């Protein structure tokens, strides 16, 4: 009878040790994940250069990328005060 109790206690202790042993590394991993979450890296498209604005006789408007504003002149050669859009 005494031998049976010793064997049962030994088996219970071995079973308890086997069940708790694998849980320890998993618990350590889950605690590391909880403290150090991975940051998401969001890829954003590259921003283009700001568009130029030309103030012509018809108002101020953005001009196309391959164009540039130049000073506009009246028929007698005096500056008109407005821009002229010149494209390549």
PDB file of N, CA and C in Angstrom:
ATOM      1  N   UNK A   1       0.813  -1.179   0.000  1.00  0.00           N
ATOM      2  CA  UNK A   1       0.000   0.000   0.000  1.00  0.00           C
ATOM      3  C   UNK A   1       0.873   1.266   0.000  1.00  0.00           C
ATOM      4  N   UNK A   2       1.927   1.212   0.795  1.00  0.00           N
ATOM      5  CA  UNK A   2       2.796   2.371   0.864  1.00  0.00           C
ATOM      6  C   UNK A   2       3.515   2.577  -0.463  1.00  0.00           C
ATOM      7  N   UNK A   3       3.920   1.507  -1.132  1.00  0.00           N
ATOM      8  CA  UNK A   3       4.578   1.597  -2.431  1.00  0.00           C
ATOM      9  C   UNK A   3       3.644   2.204  -3.485  1.00  0.00           C
ATOM     10  N   UNK A   4       2.390   1.874  -3.402  1.00  0.00           N
ATOM     11  CA  UNK A   4       1.406   2.398  -4.341  1.00  0.00           C
ATOM     12  C   UNK A   4       1.268   3.919  -4.188  1.00  0.00           C
ATOM     13  N   UNK A   5       1.283   4.409  -2.942  1.00  0.00           N
ATOM     14  CA  UNK A   5       1.211   5.849  -2.709  1.00  0.00           C
ATOM     15  C   UNK A   5       2.453   6.552  -3.238  1.00  0.00           C
ATOM     16  N   UNK A   6       3.606   5.971  -3.056  1.00  0.00           N
ATOM     17  CA  UNK A   6       4.854   6.578  -3.532  1.00  0.00           C
ATOM     18  C   UNK A   6       4.859   6.643  -5.062  1.00  0.00           C
ATOM     19  N   UNK A   7       4.452   5.564  -5.699  1.00  0.00           N
ATOM     20  CA  UNK A   7       4.410   5.541  -7.172  1.00  0.00           C
ATOM     21  C   UNK A   7       3.395   6.564  -7.685  1.00  0.00           C
ATOM     22  N   UNK A   8       2.228   6.672  -7.065  1.00  0.00           N
ATOM     23  CA  UNK A   8       1.196   7.626  -7.485  1.00  0.00           C
ATOM     24  C   UNK A   8       1.683   9.055  -7.304  1.00  0.00           C
ATOM     25  N   UNK A   9       2.345   9.334  -6.178  1.00  0.00           N
ATOM     26  CA  UNK A   9       2.870  10.679  -5.929  1.00  0.00           C
ATOM     27  C   UNK A   9       3.959  11.019  -6.947  1.00  0.00           C
ATOM     28  N   UNK A  10       4.814  10.056  -7.260  1.00  0.00           N
ATOM     29  CA  UNK A  10       5.883  10.283  -8.238  1.00  0.00           C
ATOM     30  C   UNK A  10       5.303  10.546  -9.623  1.00  0.00           C
ATOM     31  N   UNK A  11       4.288   9.776 -10.018  1.00  0.00           N
ATOM     32  CA  UNK A  11       3.647  10.000 -11.319  1.00  0.00           C
ATOM     33  C   UNK A  11       2.935  11.357 -11.374  1.00  0.00           C
ATOM     34  N   UNK A  12       2.276  11.735 -10.288  1.00  0.00           N
ATOM     35  CA  UNK A  12       1.591  13.031 -10.251  1.00  0.00           C
ATOM     36  C   UNK A  12       2.592  14.171 -10.350  1.00  0.00           C
ATOM     37  N   UNK A  13       3.729  14.034  -9.642  1.00  0.00           N
ATOM     38  CA  UNK A  13       4.769  15.061  -9.703  1.00  0.00           C
ATOM     39  C   UNK A  13       5.381  15.147 -11.098  1.00  0.00           C
ATOM     40  N   UNK A  14       5.635  14.011 -11.748  1.00  0.00           N
ATOM     41  CA  UNK A  14       6.203  13.998 -13.100  1.00  0.00           C
ATOM     42  C   UNK A  14       5.215  14.606 -14.099  1.00  0.00           C
ATOM     43  N   UNK A  15       3.933  14.291 -13.942  1.00  0.00           N
ATOM     44  CA  UNK A  15       2.917  14.843 -14.843  1.00  0.00           C
ATOM     45  C   UNK A  15       2.813  16.364 -14.670  1.00  0.00           C
ATOM     46  N   UNK A  16       2.842  16.819 -13.431  1.00  0.00           N
ATOM     47  CA  UNK A  16       2.765  18.258 -13.168  1.00  0.00           C
ATOM     48  C   UNK A  16       3.979  18.981 -13.737  1.00  0.00           C
ATOM     49  N   UNK A  17       5.156  18.383 -13.619  1.00  0.00           N
ATOM     50  CA  UNK A  17       6.369  18.994 -14.154  1.00  0.00           C
ATOM     51  C   UNK A  17       6.332  19.023 -15.686  1.00  0.00           C
ATOM     52  N   UNK A  18       5.794  17.974 -16.298  1.00  0.00           N
ATOM     53  CA  UNK A  18       5.725  17.918 -17.761  1.00  0.00           C
ATOM     54  C   UNK A  18       4.724  18.931 -18.315  1.00  0.00           C
ATOM     55  N   UNK A  19       3.637  19.148 -17.607  1.00  0.00           N
ATOM     56  CA  UNK A  19       2.610  20.078 -18.075  1.00  0.00           C
ATOM     57  C   UNK A  19       3.073  21.525 -17.934  1.00  0.00           C
ATOM     58  N   UNK A  20       3.746  21.862 -16.852  1.00  0.00           N
ATOM     59  CA  UNK A  20       4.157  23.245 -16.626  1.00  0.00           C
ATOM     60  C   UNK A  20       5.445  23.606 -17.354  1.00  0.00           C
ATOM     61  N   UNK A  21       6.295  22.680 -17.707  1.00  0.00           N
ATOM     62  CA  UNK A  21       7.574  22.982 -18.344  1.00  0.00           C
ATOM     63  C   UNK A  21       7.403  23.645 -19.714  1.00  0.00           C
ATOM     64  N   UNK A  22       6.578  23.143 -20.647  1.00  0.00           N
ATOM     65  CA  UNK A  22       6.461  23.815 -21.940  1.00  0.00           C
ATOM     66  C   UNK A  22       5.747  25.166 -21.841  1.00  0.00           C
ATOM     67  N   UNK A  23       4.949  25.390 -20.830  1.00  0.00           N
ATOM     68  CA  UNK A  23       4.209  26.641 -20.723  1.00  0.00           C
ATOM     69  C   UNK A  23       5.112  27.809 -20.361  1.00  0.00           C
ATOM     70  N   UNK A  24       6.239  27.564 -19.738  1.00  0.00           N
ATOM     71  CA  UNK A  24       7.118  28.641 -19.306  1.00  0.00           C
ATOM     72  C   UNK A  24       7.727  29.398 -20.496  1.00  0.00           C
ATOM     73  N   UNK A  25       8.303  28.751 -21.530  1.00  0.00           N
ATOM     74  CA  UNK A  25       8.822  29.520 -22.662  1.00  0.00           C
ATOM     75  C   UNK A  25       7.715  30.241 -23.437  1.00  0.00           C
ATOM     76  N   UNK A  26       6.561  29.643 -23.551  1.00  0.00           N
ATOM     77  CA  UNK A  26       5.470  30.295 -24.263  1.00  0.00           C
ATOM     78  C   UNK A  26       5.007  31.531 -23.515  1.00  0.00           C
ATOM     79  N   UNK A  27       4.974  31.463 -22.192  1.00  0.00           N
ATOM     80  CA  UNK A  27       4.571  32.618 -21.396  1.00  0.00           C
ATOM     81  C   UNK A  27       5.603  33.727 -21.533  1.00  0.00           C
ATOM     82  N   UNK A  28       6.881  33.355 -21.615  1.00  0.00           N
ATOM     83  CA  UNK A  28       7.922  34.368 -21.776  1.00  0.00           C
ATOM     84  C   UNK A  28       7.808  35.042 -23.132  1.00  0.00           C
ATOM     85  N   UNK A  29       7.481  34.275 -24.176  1.00  0.00           N
ATOM     86  CA  UNK A  29       7.319  34.871 -25.499  1.00  0.00           C
ATOM     87  C   UNK A  29       6.125  35.796 -25.553  1.00  0.00           C
ATOM     88  N   UNK A  30       5.027  35.384 -24.939  1.00  0.00           N
ATOM     89  CA  UNK A  30       3.841  36.221 -25.002  1.00  0.00           C
ATOM     90  C   UNK A  30       4.038  37.506 -24.219  1.00  0.00           C
ATOM     91  N   UNK A  31       4.818  37.473 -23.125  1.00  0.00           N
ATOM     92  CA  UNK A  31       5.055  38.704 -22.379  1.00  0.00           C
ATOM     93  C   UNK A  31       5.957  39.640 -23.167  1.00  0.00           C
ATOM     94  N   UNK A  32       6.906  39.083 -23.945  1.00  0.00           N
ATOM     95  CA  UNK A  32       7.754  39.933 -24.776  1.00  0.00           C
ATOM     96  C   UNK A  32       6.947  40.572 -25.890  1.00  0.00           C
ATOM     97  N   UNK A  33       6.008  39.834 -26.447  1.00  0.00           N
ATOM     98  CA  UNK A  33       5.188  40.390 -27.516  1.00  0.00           C
ATOM     99  C   UNK A  33       4.275  41.483 -26.989  1.00  0.00           C
ATOM    100  N   UNK A  34       3.807  41.333 -25.771  1.00  0.00           N
ATOM    101  CA  UNK A  34       2.906  42.322 -25.205  1.00  0.00           C
ATOM    102  C   UNK A  34       3.652  43.612 -24.899  1.00  0.00           C
ATOM    103  N   UNK A  35       4.933  43.533 -24.549  1.00  0.00           N
ATOM    104  CA  UNK A  35       5.664  44.737 -24.198  1.00  0.00           C
ATOM    105  C   UNK A  35       6.304  45.409 -25.410  1.00  0.00           C
ATOM    106  N   UNK A  36       6.588  44.666 -26.465  1.00  0.00           N
ATOM    107  CA  UNK A  36       7.245  45.242 -27.632  1.00  0.00           C
ATOM    108  C   UNK A  36       6.441  44.959 -28.897  1.00  0.00           C
ATOM    109  N   UNK A  37       5.361  45.697 -29.134  1.00  0.00           N
ATOM    110  CA  UNK A  37       4.609  45.460 -30.373  1.00  0.00           C
ATOM    111  C   UNK A  37       5.381  46.008 -31.572  1.00  0.00           C
ATOM    112  N   UNK A  38       5.208  45.364 -32.696  1.00  0.00           N
ATOM    113  CA  UNK A  38       5.881  45.819 -33.911  1.00  0.00           C
ATOM    114  C   UNK A  38       5.153  47.023 -34.477  1.00  0.00           C
ATOM    115  N   UNK A  39       5.923  47.992 -34.929  1.00  0.00           N
ATOM    116  CA  UNK A  39       5.341  49.174 -35.540  1.00  0.00           C
ATOM    117  C   UNK A  39       5.094  48.902 -37.017  1.00  0.00           C
ATOM    118  N   UNK A  40       3.959  49.354 -37.489  1.00  0.00           N
ATOM    119  CA  UNK A  40       3.676  49.224 -38.913  1.00  0.00           C
ATOM    120  C   UNK A  40       4.373  50.345 -39.659  1.00  0.00           C
ATOM    121  N   UNK A  41       5.004  49.998 -40.756  1.00  0.00           N
ATOM    122  CA  UNK A  41       5.632  50.998 -41.584  1.00  0.00           C
ATOM    123  C   UNK A  41       4.718  51.257 -42.771  1.00  0.00           C
ATOM    124  N   UNK A  42       4.177  52.442 -42.808  1.00  0.00           N
ATOM    125  CA  UNK A  42       3.252  52.802 -43.867  1.00  0.00           C
ATOM    126  C   UNK A  42       4.044  53.468 -44.980  1.00  0.00           C
ATOM    127  N   UNK A  43       3.958  52.887 -46.158  1.00  0.00           N
ATOM    128  CA  UNK A  43       4.642  53.481 -47.305  1.00  0.00           C
ATOM    129  C   UNK A  43       3.737  54.530 -47.919  1.00  0.00           C
ATOM    130  N   UNK A  44       4.233  55.734 -47.952  1.00  0.00           N
ATOM    131  CA  UNK A  44       3.468  56.836 -48.520  1.00  0.00           C
ATOM    132  C   UNK A  44       4.088  57.220 -49.853  1.00  0.00           C
ATOM    133  N   UNK A  45       3.263  57.621 -50.793  1.00  0.00           N
ATOM    134  CA  UNK A  45       3.825  58.016 -52.088  1.00  0.00           C
ATOM    135  C   UNK A  45       4.673  59.275 -51.951  1.00  0.00           C
ATOM    136  N   UNK A  46       5.683  59.364 -52.785  1.00  0.00           N
ATOM    137  CA  UNK A  46       6.564  60.523 -52.759  1.00  0.00           C
ATOM    138  C   UNK A  46       5.783  61.770 -53.148  1.00  0.00           C
ATOM    139  N   UNK A  47       6.030  62.837 -52.432  1.00  0.00           N
ATOM    140  CA  UNK A  47       5.326  64.079 -52.729  1.00  0.00           C
ATOM    141  C   UNK A  47       6.030  64.788 -53.878  1.00  0.00           C
ATOM    142  N   UNK A  48       5.247  65.305 -54.771  1.00  0.00           N
ATOM    143  CA  UNK A  48       5.821  66.041 -55.881  1.00  0.00           C
ATOM    144  C   UNK A  48       6.096  67.478 -55.446  1.00  0.00           C
ATOM    145  N   UNK A  49       6.889  68.156 -56.241  1.00  0.00           N
ATOM    146  CA  UNK A  49       7.220  69.545 -55.941  1.00  0.00           C
ATOM    147  C   UNK A  49       5.956  70.401 -56.023  1.00  0.00           C
ATOM    148  N   UNK A  50       5.880  71.455 -55.221  1.00  0.00           N
ATOM    149  CA  UNK A  50       4.695  72.300 -55.278  1.00  0.00           C
ATOM    150  C   UNK A  50       4.567  72.976 -56.646  1.00  0.00           C
ATOM    151  N   UNK A  51       3.343  73.068 -57.111  1.00  0.00           N
ATOM    152  CA  UNK A  51       3.114  73.637 -58.430  1.00  0.00           C
ATOM    153  C   UNK A  51       3.234  75.156 -58.376  1.00  0.00           C
ATOM    154  N   UNK A  52       3.727  75.731 -59.471  1.00  0.00           N
ATOM    155  CA  UNK A  52       3.846  77.182 -59.551  1.00  0.00           C
ATOM    156  C   UNK A  52       2.503  77.777 -59.926  1.00  0.00           C
ATOM    157  N   UNK A  53       2.323  79.027 -59.547  1.00  0.00           N
ATOM    158  CA  UNK A  53       1.095  79.744 -59.850  1.00  0.00           C
ATOM    159  C   UNK A  53       1.456  80.965 -60.682  1.00  0.00           C
ATOM    160  N   UNK A  54       0.720  81.174 -61.747  1.00  0.00           N
ATOM    161  CA  UNK A  54       0.906  82.351 -62.596  1.00  0.00           C
ATOM    162  C   UNK A  54      -0.349  83.212 -62.511  1.00  0.00           C
ATOM    163  N   UNK A  55      -0.167  84.494 -62.236  1.00  0.00           N
ATOM    164  CA  UNK A  55      -1.296  85.427 -62.178  1.00  0.00           C
ATOM    165  C   UNK A  55      -1.385  86.138 -63.533  1.00  0.00           C
ATOM    166  N   UNK A  56      -2.278  85.644 -64.363  1.00  0.00           N
ATOM    167  CA  UNK A  56      -2.467  86.189 -65.701  1.00  0.00           C
ATOM    168  C   UNK A  56      -3.610  87.198 -65.689  1.00  0.00           C
ATOM    169  N   UNK A  57      -3.966  87.689 -66.852  1.00  0.00           N
ATOM    170  CA  UNK A  57      -5.075  88.638 -66.971  1.00  0.00           C
ATOM    171  C   UNK A  57      -6.410  87.981 -66.638  1.00  0.00           C
ATOM    172  N   UNK A  58      -6.434  86.657 -66.626  1.00  0.00           N
ATOM    173  CA  UNK A  58      -7.666  85.921 -66.366  1.00  0.00           C
ATOM    174  C   UNK A  58      -7.736  85.369 -64.940  1.00  0.00           C
ATOM    175  N   UNK A  59      -6.754  85.717 -64.086  1.00  0.00           N
ATOM    176  CA  UNK A  59      -6.741  85.264 -62.701  1.00  0.00           C
ATOM    177  C   UNK A  59      -5.499  84.441 -62.412  1.00  0.00           C
ATOM    178  N   UNK A  60      -5.364  84.058 -61.166  1.00  0.00           N
ATOM    179  CA  UNK A  60      -4.205  83.261 -60.745  1.00  0.00           C
ATOM    180  C   UNK A  60      -4.563  81.780 -60.814  1.00  0.00           C
ATOM    181  N   UNK A  61      -3.721  81.018 -61.524  1.00  0.00           N
ATOM    182  CA  UNK A  61      -3.978  79.596 -61.737  1.00  0.00           C
ATOM    183  C   UNK A  61      -2.672  78.821 -61.628  1.00  0.00           C
ATOM    184  N   UNK A  62      -2.741  77.561 -61.215  1.00  0.00           N
ATOM    185  CA  UNK A  62      -1.535  76.727 -61.260  1.00  0.00           C
ATOM    186  C   UNK A  62      -1.185  76.422 -62.712  1.00  0.00           C
ATOM    187  N   UNK A  63       0.111  76.336 -62.970  1.00  0.00           N
ATOM    188  CA  UNK A  63       0.544  76.095 -64.353  1.00  0.00           C
ATOM    189  C   UNK A  63       1.050  74.664 -64.471  1.00  0.00           C
ATOM    190  N   UNK A  64       1.055  74.076 -65.674  1.00  0.00           N
ATOM    191  CA  UNK A  64       1.526  72.704 -65.883  1.00  0.00           C
ATOM    192  C   UNK A  64       2.998  72.539 -65.520  1.00  0.00           C
ATOM    193  N   UNK A  65       3.447  71.303 -65.295  1.00  0.00           N
ATOM    194  CA  UNK A  65       4.830  71.064 -64.851  1.00  0.00           C
ATOM    195  C   UNK A  65       5.907  71.545 -65.812  1.00  0.00           C
ATOM    196  N   UNK A  66       5.704  71.454 -67.116  1.00  0.00           N
ATOM    197  CA  UNK A  66       6.757  71.839 -68.070  1.00  0.00           C
ATOM    198  C   UNK A  66       6.659  73.296 -68.497  1.00  0.00           C
ATOM    199  N   UNK A  67       5.935  74.104 -67.761  1.00  0.00           N
ATOM    200  CA  UNK A  67       5.768  75.511 -68.102  1.00  0.00           C
ATOM    201  C   UNK A  67       6.313  76.388 -66.988  1.00  0.00           C
ATOM    202  N   UNK A  68       6.538  77.671 -67.322  1.00  0.00           N
ATOM    203  CA  UNK A  68       7.021  78.616 -66.313  1.00  0.00           C
ATOM    204  C   UNK A  68       6.402  79.993 -66.565  1.00  0.00           C
ATOM    205  N   UNK A  69       6.236  80.775 -65.503  1.00  0.00           N
ATOM    206  CA  UNK A  69       5.683  82.115 -65.700  1.00  0.00           C
ATOM    207  C   UNK A  69       6.779  83.113 -66.087  1.00  0.00           C
ATOM    208  N   UNK A  70       6.434  84.029 -66.964  1.00  0.00           N
ATOM    209  CA  UNK A  70       7.328  85.127 -67.334  1.00  0.00           C
ATOM    210  C   UNK A  70       6.535  86.427 -67.277  1.00  0.00           C
ATOM    211  N   UNK A  71       7.244  87.519 -67.190  1.00  0.00           N
ATOM    212  CA  UNK A  71       6.591  88.826 -67.132  1.00  0.00           C
ATOM    213  C   UNK A  71       5.939  89.127 -68.477  1.00  0.00           C
ATOM    214  N   UNK A  72       4.691  89.562 -68.427  1.00  0.00           N
ATOM    215  CA  UNK A  72       3.990  89.919 -69.653  1.00  0.00           C
ATOM    216  C   UNK A  72       4.177  91.410 -69.974  1.00  0.00           C
ATOM    217  N   UNK A  73       4.195  91.742 -71.246  1.00  0.00           N
ATOM    218  CA  UNK A  73       4.394  93.128 -71.707  1.00  0.00           C
ATOM    219  C   UNK A  73       3.224  93.567 -72.564  1.00  0.00           C
ATOM    220  N   UNK A  74       2.946  94.844 -72.517  1.00  0.00           N
ATOM    221  CA  UNK A  74       1.912  95.410 -73.394  1.00  0.00           C
ATOM    222  C   UNK A  74       2.489  95.616 -74.786  1.00  0.00           C
ATOM    223  N   UNK A  75       1.651  96.095 -75.711  1.00  0.00           N
ATOM    224  CA  UNK A  75       2.082  96.270 -77.090  1.00  0.00           C
ATOM    225  C   UNK A  75       3.157  97.339 -77.238  1.00  0.00           C
ATOM    226  N   UNK A  76       3.228  98.305 -76.276  1.00  0.00           N
ATOM    227  CA  UNK A  76       4.225  99.366 -76.390  1.00  0.00           C
ATOM    228  C   UNK A  76       5.522  99.038 -75.639  1.00  0.00           C
ATOM    229  N   UNK A  77       5.646  97.815 -75.082  1.00  0.00           N
ATOM    230  CA  UNK A  77       6.884  97.388 -74.440  1.00  0.00           C
ATOM    231  C   UNK A  77       6.898  97.574 -72.937  1.00  0.00           C
ATOM    232  N   UNK A  78       5.869  98.165 -72.371  1.00  0.00           N
ATOM    233  CA  UNK A  78       5.793  98.351 -70.921  1.00  0.00           C
ATOM    234  C   UNK A  78       5.291  97.053 -70.257  1.00  0.00           C
ATOM    235  N   UNK A  79       5.769  96.746 -69.048  1.00  0.00           N
ATOM    236  CA  UNK A  79       5.262  95.556 -68.353  1.00  0.00           C
ATOM    237  C   UNK A  79       3.779  95.715 -68.033  1.00  0.00           C
ATOM    238  N   UNK A  80       3.040  94.654 -68.235  1.00  0.00           N
ATOM    239  CA  UNK A  80       1.596  94.718 -68.017  1.00  0.00           C
ATOM    240  C   UNK A  80       1.225  94.466 -66.551  1.00  0.00           C
ATOM    241  N   UNK A  81       2.133  93.899 -65.758  1.00  0.00           N
ATOM    242  CA  UNK A  81       1.825  93.566 -64.376  1.00  0.00           C
ATOM    243  C   UNK A  81       1.260  92.169 -64.229  1.00  0.00           C
ATOM    244  N   UNK A  82       1.063  91.487 -65.344  1.00  0.00           N
ATOM    245  CA  UNK A  82       0.552  90.121 -65.315  1.00  0.00           C
ATOM    246  C   UNK A  82       1.627  89.166 -65.812  1.00  0.00           C
ATOM    247  N   UNK A  83       1.457  87.901 -65.492  1.00  0.00           N
ATOM    248  CA  UNK A  83       2.374  86.874 -65.968  1.00  0.00           C
ATOM    249  C   UNK A  83       1.871  86.278 -67.275  1.00  0.00           C
ATOM    250  N   UNK A  84       2.809  85.720 -68.024  1.00  0.00           N
ATOM    251  CA  UNK A  84       2.510  84.973 -69.232  1.00  0.00           C
ATOM    252  C   UNK A  84       3.074  83.572 -69.021  1.00  0.00           C
ATOM    253  N   UNK A  85       2.304  82.543 -69.343  1.00  0.00           N
ATOM    254  CA  UNK A  85       2.745  81.176 -69.176  1.00  0.00           C
ATOM    255  C   UNK A  85       3.483  80.745 -70.436  1.00  0.00           C
ATOM    256  N   UNK A  86       4.745  80.322 -70.266  1.00  0.00           N
ATOM    257  CA  UNK A  86       5.574  79.894 -71.393  1.00  0.00           C
ATOM    258  C   UNK A  86       5.898  78.416 -71.189  1.00  0.00           C
ATOM    259  N   UNK A  87       5.539  77.585 -72.168  1.00  0.00           N
ATOM    260  CA  UNK A  87       5.817  76.144 -72.101  1.00  0.00           C
ATOM    261  C   UNK A  87       6.906  75.774 -73.084  1.00  0.00           C
ATOM    262  N   UNK A  88       7.612  74.698 -72.813  1.00  0.00           N
ATOM    263  CA  UNK A  88       8.710  74.248 -73.684  1.00  0.00           C
ATOM    264  C   UNK A  88       8.173  73.576 -74.914  1.00  0.00           C
TER     265      UNK A  88
END
